[in-house]
Amino acid sequence: MKHFKKISLVFILTGLFLTSCDDFLSDSGLTESEVAQGLKSALEVGTNNSVDDVSKEDGYFGNPLLRIAFPPEVSQVETFLRNAGLGAVVDEAVLGINRAAEDAATEARPIFMNAISNITIADAFSILNGNNTAATDYLVQQTRSDLFNSFRPKIENSLDKVGANSQWNSVTTSYNNLNPFSPDVETDLAGYTTDKALDGLFLKVGQEEEKIRENPSARVNDILRRVFAEQD
């Protein structure tokens, strides 16, 4: 009986979804493929704008919402070094971490584009009728793991290129030398920076999605205007 109820519920929900889709298509005059195209276009615009923003100089460091701070698990190191007059060493390390994130951000573009190209019509309707960051949530689910694996080697290289690893070594060496009776500080700087870089990138993508959903002026092509006009 329970199995029968579950099957019945699936059919009911499927029927409601299909009815909702049919109603939307009837009211809007759009085809299913146009709706899917509109969602893909929204994600392409949002992700491209986001990658462009965070990959420029100060894309992370200059944005208080995205700036990657000192690793919280070693906050005592920052406090200790600032109290010891070595705040400049900490500041250089934080700047280097953010520069590495900015340098690596373009790695996201092809991964985003691949995920967007695979969106189905069912996905498109679900995203369209979801919350204001439903498309971003979809991308997080579909791409975060791949992005981490792609970002991390680039972050590691970028940390070297911008001098962040050297700056971080200066931070930890200074702390360890001044605190000989405390355990040596070690942290996975590349992993930490990669996670925070992705958090900031998805925050930015979510902001771009909300603009497209809520602000007609952010709908920069005809298919965006046609699809999202039905949501106003």
Protein backbone atom coordinates (compact mmCIF):
# COMPACT_ATOMS: atom_id res chain seq x y z
CA MET A 1 0.00 0.00 0.00
CA LYS A 2 2.82 2.42 0.91
CA HIS A 3 4.54 1.61 -2.37
CA PHE A 4 1.30 2.32 -4.25
CA LYS A 5 0.91 5.65 -2.45
CA LYS A 6 4.45 6.66 -3.37
CA ILE A 7 3.86 5.81 -7.02
CA SER A 8 0.58 7.73 -6.96
CA LEU A 9 2.30 10.75 -5.44
CA VAL A 10 4.94 10.69 -8.17
CA PHE A 11 2.26 10.67 -10.86
CA ILE A 12 0.34 13.47 -9.15
CA LEU A 13 3.43 15.66 -8.82
CA THR A 14 4.45 14.92 -12.40
CA GLY A 15 0.98 15.85 -13.57
CA LEU A 16 1.05 19.10 -11.62
CA PHE A 17 4.47 19.94 -13.06
CA LEU A 18 3.34 19.26 -16.62
CA THR A 19 0.17 21.29 -16.08
CA SER A 20 2.24 24.18 -14.74
CA CYS A 21 4.56 23.99 -17.75
CA ASP A 22 1.62 23.87 -20.17
CA ASP A 23 0.01 26.88 -18.46
CA PHE A 24 3.25 28.85 -18.67
CA LEU A 25 3.73 28.03 -22.35
CA SER A 26 0.13 28.87 -23.14
CA ASP A 27 0.24 32.20 -21.31
CA SER A 28 3.64 33.27 -22.62
CA GLY A 29 3.46 32.06 -26.20
CA LEU A 30 6.93 30.55 -25.77
CA THR A 31 8.00 27.07 -26.81
CA GLU A 32 9.76 24.66 -24.46
CA SER A 33 13.03 25.13 -26.32
CA GLU A 34 12.73 28.91 -26.01
CA VAL A 35 12.28 28.63 -22.25
CA ALA A 36 15.35 26.41 -22.02
CA GLN A 37 17.26 28.81 -24.25
CA GLY A 38 16.25 31.71 -22.01
CA LEU A 39 17.48 29.96 -18.87
CA LYS A 40 20.74 29.03 -20.56
CA SER A 41 21.18 32.59 -21.74
CA ALA A 42 20.56 33.91 -18.22
CA LEU A 43 23.22 31.60 -16.84
CA GLU A 44 25.67 32.44 -19.61
CA VAL A 45 25.24 36.16 -18.97
CA GLY A 46 25.39 35.75 -15.20
CA THR A 47 28.42 33.49 -15.12
CA ASN A 48 30.36 35.48 -17.71
CA ASN A 49 29.70 38.73 -15.85
CA SER A 50 30.72 37.09 -12.58
CA VAL A 51 33.94 35.61 -13.94
CA ASP A 52 34.81 38.93 -15.58
CA ASP A 53 34.25 40.77 -12.30
CA VAL A 54 36.16 38.50 -9.95
CA SER A 55 39.06 37.85 -12.32
CA LYS A 56 40.06 41.49 -12.62
CA GLU A 57 42.44 43.12 -10.15
CA ASP A 58 40.65 43.68 -6.83
CA GLY A 59 37.76 41.49 -8.00
CA TYR A 60 38.03 39.67 -4.68
CA PHE A 61 40.26 41.91 -2.62
CA GLY A 62 38.35 45.10 -3.41
CA ASN A 63 34.92 43.65 -2.65
CA PRO A 64 34.16 43.35 1.10
CA LEU A 65 31.63 40.59 0.40
CA LEU A 66 34.14 38.50 -1.55
CA ARG A 67 37.48 39.36 0.05
CA ILE A 68 39.19 36.23 1.34
CA ALA A 69 40.27 36.82 4.91
CA PHE A 70 43.01 35.22 6.96
CA PRO A 71 42.20 31.54 7.58
CA PRO A 72 39.93 31.52 10.65
CA GLU A 73 41.49 28.39 12.12
CA VAL A 74 44.70 30.35 12.65
CA SER A 75 43.15 33.65 13.73
CA GLN A 76 45.37 33.59 16.79
CA VAL A 77 48.35 33.90 14.45
CA GLU A 78 47.00 37.11 12.96
CA THR A 79 46.27 38.58 16.39
CA PHE A 80 49.68 37.61 17.72
CA LEU A 81 51.60 39.01 14.75
CA ARG A 82 49.66 42.27 14.68
CA ASN A 83 50.30 42.71 18.40
CA ALA A 84 53.98 42.03 17.72
CA GLY A 85 54.11 44.81 15.12
CA LEU A 86 54.10 42.45 12.14
CA GLY A 87 50.71 43.41 10.72
CA ALA A 88 52.28 44.24 7.35
CA VAL A 89 53.32 40.61 6.96
CA VAL A 90 49.72 39.51 7.52
CA ASP A 91 48.37 42.14 5.12
CA GLU A 92 50.72 41.00 2.37
CA ALA A 93 49.63 37.39 2.85
CA VAL A 94 45.93 38.31 2.66
CA LEU A 95 46.52 40.38 -0.48
CA GLY A 96 48.42 37.49 -2.06
CA ILE A 97 45.63 35.02 -1.29
CA ASN A 98 43.10 37.28 -3.00
CA ARG A 99 45.35 37.89 -5.98
CA ALA A 100 45.66 34.13 -6.42
CA ALA A 101 41.86 33.77 -6.43
CA GLU A 102 41.54 36.54 -9.01
CA ASP A 103 44.21 34.93 -11.17
CA ALA A 104 42.48 31.52 -11.11
CA ALA A 105 38.90 32.68 -11.68
CA THR A 106 38.90 32.30 -15.46
CA GLU A 107 39.19 28.52 -14.96
CA ALA A 108 35.47 28.56 -14.14
CA ARG A 109 34.25 29.71 -17.53
CA PRO A 110 34.49 26.45 -19.57
CA ILE A 111 33.14 24.38 -16.67
CA PHE A 112 30.14 26.67 -16.32
CA MET A 113 29.51 26.63 -20.07
CA ASN A 114 29.57 22.83 -20.16
CA ALA A 115 27.06 22.55 -17.31
CA ILE A 116 24.80 25.16 -18.90
CA SER A 117 24.81 23.33 -22.23
CA ASN A 118 23.51 20.20 -20.50
CA ILE A 119 20.44 21.83 -18.94
CA THR A 120 17.30 19.92 -19.94
CA ILE A 121 13.86 21.37 -20.57
CA ALA A 122 12.68 19.91 -17.25
CA ASP A 123 15.66 21.54 -15.51
CA ALA A 124 14.82 24.85 -17.16
CA PHE A 125 11.21 24.90 -15.95
CA SER A 126 12.27 23.85 -12.45
CA ILE A 127 14.86 26.63 -12.31
CA LEU A 128 12.51 29.22 -13.80
CA ASN A 129 9.86 28.49 -11.18
CA GLY A 130 12.36 28.21 -8.33
CA ASN A 131 13.67 30.80 -5.92
CA ASN A 132 15.71 33.84 -6.95
CA THR A 133 18.95 31.84 -6.97
CA ALA A 134 17.61 28.53 -8.27
CA ALA A 135 19.89 28.61 -11.32
CA THR A 136 22.90 29.33 -9.14
CA ASP A 137 21.93 26.50 -6.81
CA TYR A 138 21.78 24.22 -9.85
CA LEU A 139 25.29 25.27 -10.88
CA VAL A 140 26.64 24.70 -7.39
CA GLN A 141 25.28 21.16 -7.46
CA GLN A 142 26.51 20.46 -10.98
CA THR A 143 29.91 22.16 -10.98
CA ARG A 144 31.36 22.76 -7.51
CA SER A 145 33.37 19.53 -7.38
CA ASP A 146 34.76 20.00 -10.90
CA LEU A 147 35.52 23.64 -10.19
CA PHE A 148 37.43 22.75 -7.04
CA ASN A 149 39.53 20.20 -8.91
CA SER A 150 40.19 22.68 -11.70
CA PHE A 151 40.79 25.69 -9.45
CA ARG A 152 43.13 24.09 -6.96
CA PRO A 153 46.15 23.50 -9.26
CA LYS A 154 45.67 26.98 -10.71
CA ILE A 155 45.39 28.43 -7.20
CA GLU A 156 48.57 26.63 -6.17
CA ASN A 157 50.41 28.07 -9.17
CA SER A 158 48.89 31.48 -8.57
CA LEU A 159 49.89 31.45 -4.90
CA ASP A 160 53.46 30.93 -6.07
CA LYS A 161 53.19 33.46 -8.90
CA VAL A 162 51.88 36.31 -6.75
CA GLY A 163 54.17 35.45 -3.86
CA ALA A 164 51.41 34.38 -1.47
CA ASN A 165 53.09 31.10 -0.53
CA SER A 166 56.24 33.00 0.34
CA GLN A 167 54.23 35.53 2.32
CA TRP A 168 52.35 32.76 4.10
CA ASN A 169 55.63 31.06 4.96
CA SER A 170 56.83 34.37 6.40
CA VAL A 171 53.69 34.56 8.52
CA THR A 172 53.94 31.03 9.86
CA THR A 173 57.72 31.20 10.34
CA SER A 174 57.44 34.47 12.26
CA TYR A 175 54.71 33.05 14.46
CA ASN A 176 56.46 29.72 15.05
CA ASN A 177 59.74 31.46 15.93
CA LEU A 178 58.06 33.89 18.32
CA ASN A 179 55.96 31.13 19.88
CA PRO A 180 58.40 28.26 20.41
CA PHE A 181 56.19 26.54 22.99
CA SER A 182 53.07 26.44 20.80
CA PRO A 183 52.40 23.81 18.13
CA ASP A 184 53.70 24.84 14.72
CA VAL A 185 51.05 26.42 12.51
CA GLU A 186 50.28 24.52 9.33
CA THR A 187 47.28 24.97 7.07
CA ASP A 188 46.27 23.90 3.57
CA LEU A 189 46.45 27.38 2.07
CA ALA A 190 45.60 26.24 -1.47
CA GLY A 191 42.54 24.28 -0.31
CA TYR A 192 41.35 27.15 1.88
CA THR A 193 41.81 29.71 -0.88
CA THR A 194 40.07 27.49 -3.44
CA ASP A 195 37.02 26.99 -1.21
CA LYS A 196 36.72 30.68 -0.43
CA ALA A 197 37.25 31.64 -4.08
CA LEU A 198 34.36 29.37 -5.09
CA ASP A 199 32.15 30.72 -2.30
CA GLY A 200 32.74 34.23 -3.60
CA LEU A 201 32.22 33.26 -7.22
CA PHE A 202 28.88 31.59 -6.54
CA LEU A 203 27.79 34.54 -4.40
CA LYS A 204 28.49 36.77 -7.39
CA VAL A 205 26.63 34.45 -9.78
CA GLY A 206 23.65 34.50 -7.42
CA GLN A 207 23.65 38.29 -7.39
CA GLU A 208 23.72 38.34 -11.19
CA GLU A 209 20.82 35.88 -11.34
CA GLU A 210 18.75 38.00 -8.96
CA LYS A 211 19.37 41.07 -11.13
CA ILE A 212 18.13 39.26 -14.23
CA ARG A 213 15.04 38.00 -12.43
CA GLU A 214 14.17 41.32 -10.78
CA ASN A 215 15.54 44.06 -13.04
CA PRO A 216 14.35 44.24 -16.67
CA SER A 217 17.38 46.37 -17.61
CA ALA A 218 19.65 43.41 -16.77
CA ARG A 219 17.97 41.30 -19.47
CA VAL A 220 20.40 42.11 -22.21
CA ASN A 221 18.92 40.12 -25.09
CA ASP A 222 15.50 39.36 -26.54
CA ILE A 223 15.15 35.81 -25.22
CA LEU A 224 15.90 36.96 -21.67
CA ARG A 225 13.31 39.71 -21.93
CA ARG A 226 10.68 37.33 -23.30
CA VAL A 227 11.20 34.51 -20.80
CA PHE A 228 11.64 36.56 -17.64
CA ALA A 229 8.90 39.04 -18.49
CA GLU A 230 6.51 36.25 -17.53
CA GLN A 231 8.01 36.27 -14.03
CA ASP A 232 7.44 39.99 -13.40
